[in-house]
Structure formats: structure tokens, C-alpha cells
């Protein structure tokens, strides 16, 4: 059986600085934040 991949979680990033911000900050500043869906990092291939 194949293992299921964990779901991608939403990340929030400041449109001004490019730094990641918390979800609560993003909700307070919707004009300057961007919601991104980033999949979790994959395991390195051997």
C-alpha cells in the first residue's frame, strides 16, 4: 500500500518584506499578506 502524503498547510507571507507571518497577523492585515500553499519538504533521495 502507498503511504499518504500529509496535507499541505497554508502559510502566510508579508507582501512588503517577504517574511513568513502568523495566521492571526495575516487576518489583521489582509491588504499586505499573501496566503500560500506549500507542500511539506520531501525526503531526500538516496
C-alpha atoms as a PDB file:
ATOM      1  CA  UNK A   1       0.000   0.000   0.000  1.00  0.00           C
ATOM      2  CA  UNK A   2       1.139   3.517  -0.672  1.00  0.00           C
ATOM      3  CA  UNK A   3       1.630   5.933   2.177  1.00  0.00           C
ATOM      4  CA  UNK A   4      -0.484   9.051   2.074  1.00  0.00           C
ATOM      5  CA  UNK A   5       1.317  12.351   1.936  1.00  0.00           C
ATOM      6  CA  UNK A   6       0.486  14.799   4.715  1.00  0.00           C
ATOM      7  CA  UNK A   7      -1.705  17.649   3.514  1.00  0.00           C
ATOM      8  CA  UNK A   8      -0.098  20.910   2.542  1.00  0.00           C
ATOM      9  CA  UNK A   9      -0.615  23.589   5.152  1.00  0.00           C
ATOM     10  CA  UNK A  10      -1.283  27.227   4.370  1.00  0.00           C
ATOM     11  CA  UNK A  11       1.486  29.689   5.095  1.00  0.00           C
ATOM     12  CA  UNK A  12       1.173  33.444   5.232  1.00  0.00           C
ATOM     13  CA  UNK A  13       3.816  35.822   3.942  1.00  0.00           C
ATOM     14  CA  UNK A  14       4.175  39.587   4.169  1.00  0.00           C
ATOM     15  CA  UNK A  15       3.894  41.272   0.780  1.00  0.00           C
ATOM     16  CA  UNK A  16       6.206  44.049   1.988  1.00  0.00           C
ATOM     17  CA  UNK A  17       9.099  42.064   3.481  1.00  0.00           C
ATOM     18  CA  UNK A  18       8.621  38.549   2.126  1.00  0.00           C
ATOM     19  CA  UNK A  19       8.907  37.113   5.637  1.00  0.00           C
ATOM     20  CA  UNK A  20       6.522  34.492   6.964  1.00  0.00           C
ATOM     21  CA  UNK A  21       3.908  35.809   9.388  1.00  0.00           C
ATOM     22  CA  UNK A  22       1.352  34.165  11.666  1.00  0.00           C
ATOM     23  CA  UNK A  23      -2.203  33.476  10.623  1.00  0.00           C
ATOM     24  CA  UNK A  24      -3.528  35.949  13.194  1.00  0.00           C
ATOM     25  CA  UNK A  25      -1.254  38.701  11.800  1.00  0.00           C
ATOM     26  CA  UNK A  26      -2.445  37.895   8.270  1.00  0.00           C
ATOM     27  CA  UNK A  27      -6.078  38.187   9.321  1.00  0.00           C
ATOM     28  CA  UNK A  28      -5.405  41.592  10.888  1.00  0.00           C
ATOM     29  CA  UNK A  29      -3.511  42.831   7.798  1.00  0.00           C
ATOM     30  CA  UNK A  30      -5.229  41.277   4.751  1.00  0.00           C
ATOM     31  CA  UNK A  31      -4.059  44.003   2.347  1.00  0.00           C
ATOM     32  CA  UNK A  32      -0.365  43.274   2.922  1.00  0.00           C
ATOM     33  CA  UNK A  33      -0.275  39.487   3.339  1.00  0.00           C
ATOM     34  CA  UNK A  34      -0.393  36.618   0.876  1.00  0.00           C
ATOM     35  CA  UNK A  35      -1.658  33.106   1.617  1.00  0.00           C
ATOM     36  CA  UNK A  36       0.472  30.332   0.133  1.00  0.00           C
ATOM     37  CA  UNK A  37       0.013  26.579  -0.007  1.00  0.00           C
ATOM     38  CA  UNK A  38       3.425  24.974   0.411  1.00  0.00           C
ATOM     39  CA  UNK A  39       3.735  21.182   0.468  1.00  0.00           C
ATOM     40  CA  UNK A  40       5.876  19.732   3.232  1.00  0.00           C
ATOM     41  CA  UNK A  41       9.503  19.089   2.286  1.00  0.00           C
ATOM     42  CA  UNK A  42      10.084  15.738   0.663  1.00  0.00           C
ATOM     43  CA  UNK A  43      12.594  13.239   1.972  1.00  0.00           C
ATOM     44  CA  UNK A  44      15.977  13.370   0.222  1.00  0.00           C
ATOM     45  CA  UNK A  45      16.559  10.628  -2.319  1.00  0.00           C
ATOM     46  CA  UNK A  46      19.368   8.250  -1.575  1.00  0.00           C
END
